[in-house]
C-alpha cells in the first residue's frame, strides 16, 4: 500500500519516465535492492501477438539515476533481477533468456552477456513469457540470520511460459523453474560476450517444467527462496522445496518408514511421471529437466 509520500532514502521524490504516450502500453515494475526496472510494452490493439516493441528502463531509485535504457523491436516481455547488477530479460521473438550486466549509464550498454535459448517450437508457434512474483528482493547479499530470510542468489527464478499457435487457438501454459545461482554461473563461465547456448547445452540439467494443467492458474503462484507454492484443483496447497538439504532430510525420513526407499547418499536422481510433462507442451525436442525437489501438501480447503 502506498503512503503517498516519497521514500525517505530517495534523493528524488519522483522519477519521470522518458516515454511518449503513444498507443496502449503496459507497465511491469520490479525492485531489487536499490535498483528498479520498468518494462514497457507498446500495444496497438488487443491481441496476444500485437506487441510491437518494448522498452526496458532500470534506475537507481535512491539517486534517481537512469542506468539502462533498452529500446528494441524484439519483444521483451519479462525482466527479472538475478542480482542488483545483473538482469534477465525474456525475449519472446527468438525464444531466449538474455542475461545483461546493468551499466552505470545508458551509454555504456553493450548487449547481453549470454543468451540462453528456449526449446525450439514447431512452425507457426510462438512464446509468450511472463515472470512469477519472487522473494527475497536483494536487500541482503547473503541470507540473513533471522528466521525465514533467504539469500537472493540461491533463490528460484520461475517464468510462466505460453506456447501459442499463430491463430491463438492452441495454447499450452507451463512454468519454467531454474536456480538463480545456475544462471549466474552460466553467465560467469561464458567464453565470449554475446555467447548463445542452445536449450540442449544448458536447459535440461538446470531446469524443471510444470504444466499448469496440474494447478489453478488464476491464483497467483509465488516463489520465496528455494520454495514455490501452488494451489491445486482440490484446493490443496502444494509446496515444492528445491533445497538439496531438505530433500535429503525427506528421503532419510522416508527410508526409516520404507526400506525400499533410495538412500540419501551420493548423487540422487528424482524420478517423476515423464509422459505427463512430455505431453503438456508443443516442444520439438526433449525438454525435461533434472533438478530435484521435495513436495509437501499443506492442507485442504484453501481459496487463495
Protein backbone atom coordinates (compact mmCIF):
# COMPACT_ATOMS: atom_id res chain seq x y z
CA UNK A 1 0.00 0.00 0.00
CA UNK A 2 1.35 3.41 -0.94
CA UNK A 3 1.64 6.03 1.79
CA UNK A 4 1.59 8.86 -0.73
CA UNK A 5 4.97 10.07 0.50
CA UNK A 6 8.41 9.79 -1.14
CA UNK A 7 10.80 7.16 0.22
CA UNK A 8 12.95 8.75 2.90
CA UNK A 9 16.15 7.41 1.25
CA UNK A 10 15.28 8.62 -2.26
CA UNK A 11 17.11 11.77 -3.38
CA UNK A 12 14.42 12.46 -5.99
CA UNK A 13 10.78 12.13 -4.85
CA UNK A 14 9.55 11.33 -8.38
CA UNK A 15 11.12 9.54 -11.35
CA UNK A 16 9.73 10.82 -14.65
CA UNK A 17 9.90 8.18 -17.38
CA UNK A 18 11.01 9.35 -20.85
CA UNK A 19 8.14 7.56 -22.58
CA UNK A 20 5.73 9.28 -25.00
CA UNK A 21 2.04 8.32 -24.58
CA UNK A 22 1.70 6.61 -27.97
CA UNK A 23 -1.00 3.94 -28.23
CA UNK A 24 -1.78 1.48 -25.48
CA UNK A 25 1.03 0.32 -23.23
CA UNK A 26 1.52 -1.96 -20.25
CA UNK A 27 4.00 -1.48 -17.41
CA UNK A 28 5.73 -4.06 -15.22
CA UNK A 29 7.82 -2.87 -12.28
CA UNK A 30 10.36 -4.87 -10.27
CA UNK A 31 12.62 -3.78 -7.40
CA UNK A 32 15.88 -5.37 -6.26
CA UNK A 33 17.81 -3.56 -3.55
CA UNK A 34 18.44 -0.03 -4.83
CA UNK A 35 17.52 -0.89 -8.43
CA UNK A 36 14.10 -0.64 -10.05
CA UNK A 37 13.22 -1.93 -13.51
CA UNK A 38 10.30 -0.71 -15.62
CA UNK A 39 9.35 -2.89 -18.58
CA UNK A 40 7.04 -1.12 -21.03
CA UNK A 41 5.25 -2.99 -23.80
CA UNK A 42 3.62 -0.93 -26.53
CA UNK A 43 0.43 -2.46 -27.93
CA UNK A 44 -1.53 -1.16 -30.91
CA UNK A 45 -4.65 -3.30 -30.40
CA UNK A 46 -5.87 -6.04 -28.07
CA UNK A 47 -4.29 -9.22 -29.35
CA UNK A 48 -1.76 -11.58 -27.86
CA UNK A 49 0.51 -11.11 -30.89
CA UNK A 50 0.06 -7.35 -31.17
CA UNK A 51 3.02 -6.32 -29.01
CA UNK A 52 5.05 -4.28 -31.48
CA UNK A 53 8.06 -3.40 -29.34
CA UNK A 54 9.20 -2.97 -25.78
CA UNK A 55 11.42 -0.76 -23.71
CA UNK A 56 13.38 -1.60 -20.56
CA UNK A 57 14.40 1.13 -18.11
CA UNK A 58 16.49 0.49 -15.00
CA UNK A 59 17.05 3.19 -12.38
CA UNK A 60 18.95 3.54 -9.15
CA UNK A 61 15.86 4.70 -7.27
CA UNK A 62 17.82 6.18 -4.37
CA UNK A 63 19.73 8.53 -6.67
CA UNK A 64 17.01 8.88 -9.30
CA UNK A 65 19.69 7.93 -11.86
CA UNK A 66 18.91 6.12 -15.13
CA UNK A 67 21.35 3.21 -15.61
CA UNK A 68 19.87 1.27 -18.54
CA UNK A 69 17.57 2.25 -21.39
CA UNK A 70 16.93 -0.53 -23.89
CA UNK A 71 14.54 0.01 -26.79
CA UNK A 72 14.11 -2.96 -29.05
CA UNK A 73 11.95 -4.27 -31.85
CA UNK A 74 12.35 -7.66 -30.18
CA UNK A 75 9.58 -8.37 -27.70
CA UNK A 76 10.99 -8.34 -24.19
CA UNK A 77 8.10 -9.49 -22.01
CA UNK A 78 9.70 -10.10 -18.60
CA UNK A 79 12.54 -8.59 -16.58
CA UNK A 80 13.91 -10.45 -13.54
CA UNK A 81 16.83 -9.31 -11.41
CA UNK A 82 19.37 -12.09 -10.82
CA UNK A 83 21.34 -9.69 -8.62
CA UNK A 84 21.46 -5.93 -8.15
CA UNK A 85 23.87 -5.76 -11.13
CA UNK A 86 22.52 -8.46 -13.48
CA UNK A 87 19.07 -8.68 -15.06
CA UNK A 88 17.39 -11.46 -17.04
CA UNK A 89 15.29 -10.31 -20.00
CA UNK A 90 12.91 -12.80 -21.60
CA UNK A 91 12.81 -12.31 -25.36
CA UNK A 92 9.70 -13.72 -26.99
CA UNK A 93 10.71 -13.10 -30.61
CA UNK A 94 13.58 -15.55 -30.60
CA UNK A 95 12.56 -17.58 -27.56
CA UNK A 96 15.57 -16.79 -25.37
CA UNK A 97 16.55 -15.70 -21.86
CA UNK A 98 19.15 -12.94 -22.13
CA UNK A 99 21.43 -12.11 -19.19
CA UNK A 100 22.60 -8.47 -19.11
CA UNK A 101 25.10 -6.64 -16.96
CA UNK A 102 23.46 -3.38 -15.86
CA UNK A 103 25.71 -0.48 -16.98
CA UNK A 104 26.47 2.57 -14.84
CA UNK A 105 24.97 4.84 -17.51
CA UNK A 106 22.80 4.02 -20.56
CA UNK A 107 25.59 4.96 -22.99
CA UNK A 108 27.69 2.00 -21.77
CA UNK A 109 25.15 -0.65 -22.71
CA UNK A 110 26.87 -3.39 -24.68
CA UNK A 111 24.35 -6.14 -25.36
CA UNK A 112 23.59 -9.35 -23.46
CA UNK A 113 26.47 -11.24 -21.90
CA UNK A 114 24.86 -14.55 -22.80
CA UNK A 115 21.64 -15.72 -24.49
CA UNK A 116 20.08 -18.97 -23.33
CA UNK A 117 17.72 -20.39 -25.94
CA UNK A 118 14.41 -21.96 -25.01
CA UNK A 119 13.35 -25.24 -26.65
CA UNK A 120 12.58 -24.85 -30.36
CA UNK A 121 8.90 -24.86 -31.24
CA UNK A 122 7.18 -26.27 -34.33
CA UNK A 123 6.35 -23.94 -37.19
CA UNK A 124 3.53 -21.46 -36.58
CA UNK A 125 4.03 -21.46 -32.80
CA UNK A 126 5.49 -18.73 -30.61
CA UNK A 127 6.31 -17.91 -26.99
CA UNK A 128 4.54 -15.57 -24.56
CA UNK A 129 6.55 -15.20 -21.35
CA UNK A 130 5.82 -13.54 -18.01
CA UNK A 131 7.55 -13.68 -14.64
CA UNK A 132 6.25 -15.13 -11.39
CA UNK A 133 6.49 -12.93 -8.30
CA UNK A 134 9.51 -13.81 -6.21
CA UNK A 135 11.21 -13.13 -2.88
CA UNK A 136 13.65 -12.06 -1.48
CA UNK A 137 14.28 -8.81 -3.37
CA UNK A 138 18.04 -8.42 -2.94
CA UNK A 139 18.09 -6.18 0.11
CA UNK A 140 20.66 -8.54 1.64
CA UNK A 141 23.54 -10.02 -0.38
CA UNK A 142 23.61 -13.15 1.79
CA UNK A 143 20.97 -14.96 3.79
CA UNK A 144 20.02 -13.15 6.96
CA UNK A 145 20.38 -14.92 10.29
CA UNK A 146 16.78 -14.04 11.04
CA UNK A 147 14.21 -16.84 10.58
CA UNK A 148 12.73 -17.30 7.11
CA UNK A 149 15.18 -14.89 5.43
CA UNK A 150 16.67 -16.37 2.25
CA UNK A 151 19.57 -15.42 0.01
CA UNK A 152 18.64 -13.89 -3.35
CA UNK A 153 21.42 -15.69 -5.21
CA UNK A 154 20.20 -19.12 -4.04
CA UNK A 155 16.54 -18.43 -4.77
CA UNK A 156 14.42 -19.64 -7.67
CA UNK A 157 13.54 -17.96 -10.94
CA UNK A 158 10.13 -19.04 -12.23
CA UNK A 159 8.59 -17.99 -15.54
CA UNK A 160 5.08 -18.52 -16.85
CA UNK A 161 5.54 -19.62 -20.47
CA UNK A 162 2.75 -19.92 -23.02
CA UNK A 163 3.21 -21.78 -26.29
CA UNK A 164 0.68 -20.35 -28.74
CA UNK A 165 -0.07 -21.05 -32.38
CA UNK A 166 -0.44 -18.19 -34.85
CA UNK A 167 -4.24 -18.29 -34.64
CA UNK A 168 -4.22 -18.18 -30.84
CA UNK A 169 -6.39 -21.31 -30.70
CA UNK A 170 -3.89 -23.88 -29.43
CA UNK A 171 -2.40 -22.66 -26.14
CA UNK A 172 -0.24 -24.59 -23.69
CA UNK A 173 0.89 -22.92 -20.46
CA UNK A 174 3.81 -24.17 -18.37
CA UNK A 175 6.02 -22.98 -15.53
CA UNK A 176 9.79 -23.00 -16.06
CA UNK A 177 11.85 -23.14 -12.85
CA UNK A 178 15.61 -22.63 -12.60
CA UNK A 179 18.07 -21.67 -9.87
CA UNK A 180 19.40 -18.09 -9.91
CA UNK A 181 22.82 -19.43 -9.00
CA UNK A 182 22.83 -21.73 -12.04
CA UNK A 183 22.02 -18.78 -14.33
CA UNK A 184 24.75 -16.64 -12.77
CA UNK A 185 27.29 -19.45 -13.11
CA UNK A 186 26.39 -19.76 -16.80
CA UNK A 187 26.98 -16.04 -17.26
CA UNK A 188 30.33 -16.05 -15.46
CA UNK A 189 31.51 -19.10 -17.43
CA UNK A 190 30.69 -17.56 -20.82
CA UNK A 191 33.79 -17.63 -23.02
CA UNK A 192 32.90 -14.55 -25.09
CA UNK A 193 30.41 -11.68 -24.59
CA UNK A 194 27.20 -12.29 -26.51
CA UNK A 195 27.56 -16.08 -26.45
CA UNK A 196 24.45 -18.08 -27.38
CA UNK A 197 23.64 -21.52 -25.99
CA UNK A 198 21.00 -23.86 -27.36
CA UNK A 199 18.50 -25.42 -24.99
CA UNK A 200 20.30 -28.76 -25.09
CA UNK A 201 23.53 -27.07 -23.98
CA UNK A 202 22.15 -25.53 -20.81
CA UNK A 203 18.49 -26.28 -20.08
CA UNK A 204 17.89 -29.96 -19.28
CA UNK A 205 20.45 -30.08 -16.47
CA UNK A 206 19.26 -26.97 -14.62
CA UNK A 207 15.55 -26.54 -15.36
CA UNK A 208 12.26 -28.14 -14.45
CA UNK A 209 8.92 -27.70 -16.25
CA UNK A 210 5.47 -27.89 -14.66
CA UNK A 211 2.28 -27.97 -16.76
CA UNK A 212 -0.35 -25.58 -15.43
CA UNK A 213 -2.99 -28.25 -16.01
CA UNK A 214 -1.93 -29.54 -12.59
CA UNK A 215 -2.64 -26.21 -10.85
CA UNK A 216 -5.19 -23.41 -10.61
CA UNK A 217 -3.66 -20.63 -12.71
CA UNK A 218 -5.99 -17.82 -11.62
CA UNK A 219 -4.39 -17.98 -8.15
CA UNK A 220 -1.05 -16.22 -8.04
CA UNK A 221 1.95 -18.56 -7.87
CA UNK A 222 4.71 -17.25 -5.60
CA UNK A 223 8.33 -18.24 -5.02
CA UNK A 224 10.29 -17.48 -1.87
CA UNK A 225 13.90 -18.55 -1.64
CA UNK A 226 14.12 -22.13 -2.90
CA UNK A 227 10.42 -22.82 -2.46
CA UNK A 228 7.35 -22.23 -4.60
CA UNK A 229 3.70 -22.78 -3.81
CA UNK A 230 0.74 -23.74 -6.00
CA UNK A 231 -2.99 -24.04 -5.43
CA UNK A 232 -4.24 -27.43 -6.60
CA UNK A 233 -7.65 -28.15 -8.18
CA UNK A 234 -8.80 -29.80 -4.92
CA UNK A 235 -7.97 -26.50 -3.09
CA UNK A 236 -4.90 -28.10 -1.52
CA UNK A 237 -1.71 -26.02 -1.32
CA UNK A 238 1.33 -27.75 -2.84
CA UNK A 239 4.71 -26.52 -1.62
CA UNK A 240 7.76 -27.52 -3.68
CA UNK A 241 11.12 -27.23 -1.92
CA UNK A 242 14.24 -27.28 -4.13
CA UNK A 243 16.71 -27.09 -1.25
CA UNK A 244 19.00 -30.16 -1.50
CA UNK A 245 19.30 -30.50 2.28
CA UNK A 246 15.53 -30.52 2.68
CA UNK A 247 15.30 -33.23 0.04
CA UNK A 248 17.92 -35.43 1.73
CA UNK A 249 16.15 -35.00 5.06
CA UNK A 250 12.84 -36.05 3.47
CA UNK A 251 14.47 -39.12 1.92
CA UNK A 252 16.01 -40.11 5.24
CA UNK A 253 12.61 -39.89 6.91
CA UNK A 254 11.09 -41.93 4.07
CA UNK A 255 13.85 -44.52 4.36
CA UNK A 256 13.03 -45.04 8.03
CA UNK A 257 9.48 -45.96 7.07
CA UNK A 258 10.21 -47.80 3.82
CA UNK A 259 13.31 -49.97 3.42
CA UNK A 260 12.97 -49.84 -0.39
CA UNK A 261 13.47 -46.05 -0.49
CA UNK A 262 16.56 -44.62 -2.19
CA UNK A 263 19.29 -43.96 0.42
CA UNK A 264 20.19 -40.26 0.82
CA UNK A 265 23.86 -40.65 -0.02
CA UNK A 266 25.87 -39.65 -3.06
CA UNK A 267 24.18 -38.29 -6.19
CA UNK A 268 20.41 -38.70 -6.26
CA UNK A 269 18.06 -38.85 -9.22
CA UNK A 270 14.50 -37.64 -8.90
CA UNK A 271 12.04 -39.77 -10.86
CA UNK A 272 8.68 -38.39 -11.96
CA UNK A 273 5.91 -39.12 -14.45
CA UNK A 274 7.80 -38.09 -17.56
CA UNK A 275 4.94 -38.68 -20.04
CA UNK A 276 2.77 -36.09 -18.23
CA UNK A 277 5.26 -33.28 -18.83
CA UNK A 278 6.17 -34.54 -22.28
CA UNK A 279 2.57 -34.33 -23.48
CA UNK A 280 1.93 -30.96 -21.87
CA UNK A 281 3.95 -28.86 -24.30
CA UNK A 282 4.48 -28.44 -28.03
CA UNK A 283 8.26 -28.69 -27.92
CA UNK A 284 10.06 -30.32 -30.82
CA UNK A 285 12.93 -31.63 -28.66
CA UNK A 286 13.31 -33.29 -25.26
CA UNK A 287 12.98 -30.58 -22.62
CA UNK A 288 12.65 -32.29 -19.25
CA UNK A 289 14.92 -31.01 -16.52
CA UNK A 290 16.85 -32.94 -13.92
CA UNK A 291 16.53 -30.52 -11.00
CA UNK A 292 15.31 -32.29 -7.86
CA UNK A 293 12.79 -31.18 -5.29
CA UNK A 294 10.66 -32.37 -2.40
CA UNK A 295 6.94 -31.74 -2.16
CA UNK A 296 4.59 -31.14 0.75
CA UNK A 297 0.80 -30.91 0.87
CA UNK A 298 -0.09 -28.20 3.35
CA UNK A 299 -3.81 -28.80 3.76
CA UNK A 300 -7.17 -28.60 2.08
CA UNK A 301 -9.91 -26.09 1.52
CA UNK A 302 -7.86 -23.01 0.59
CA UNK A 303 -9.28 -20.34 -1.73
CA UNK A 304 -6.09 -18.34 -2.31
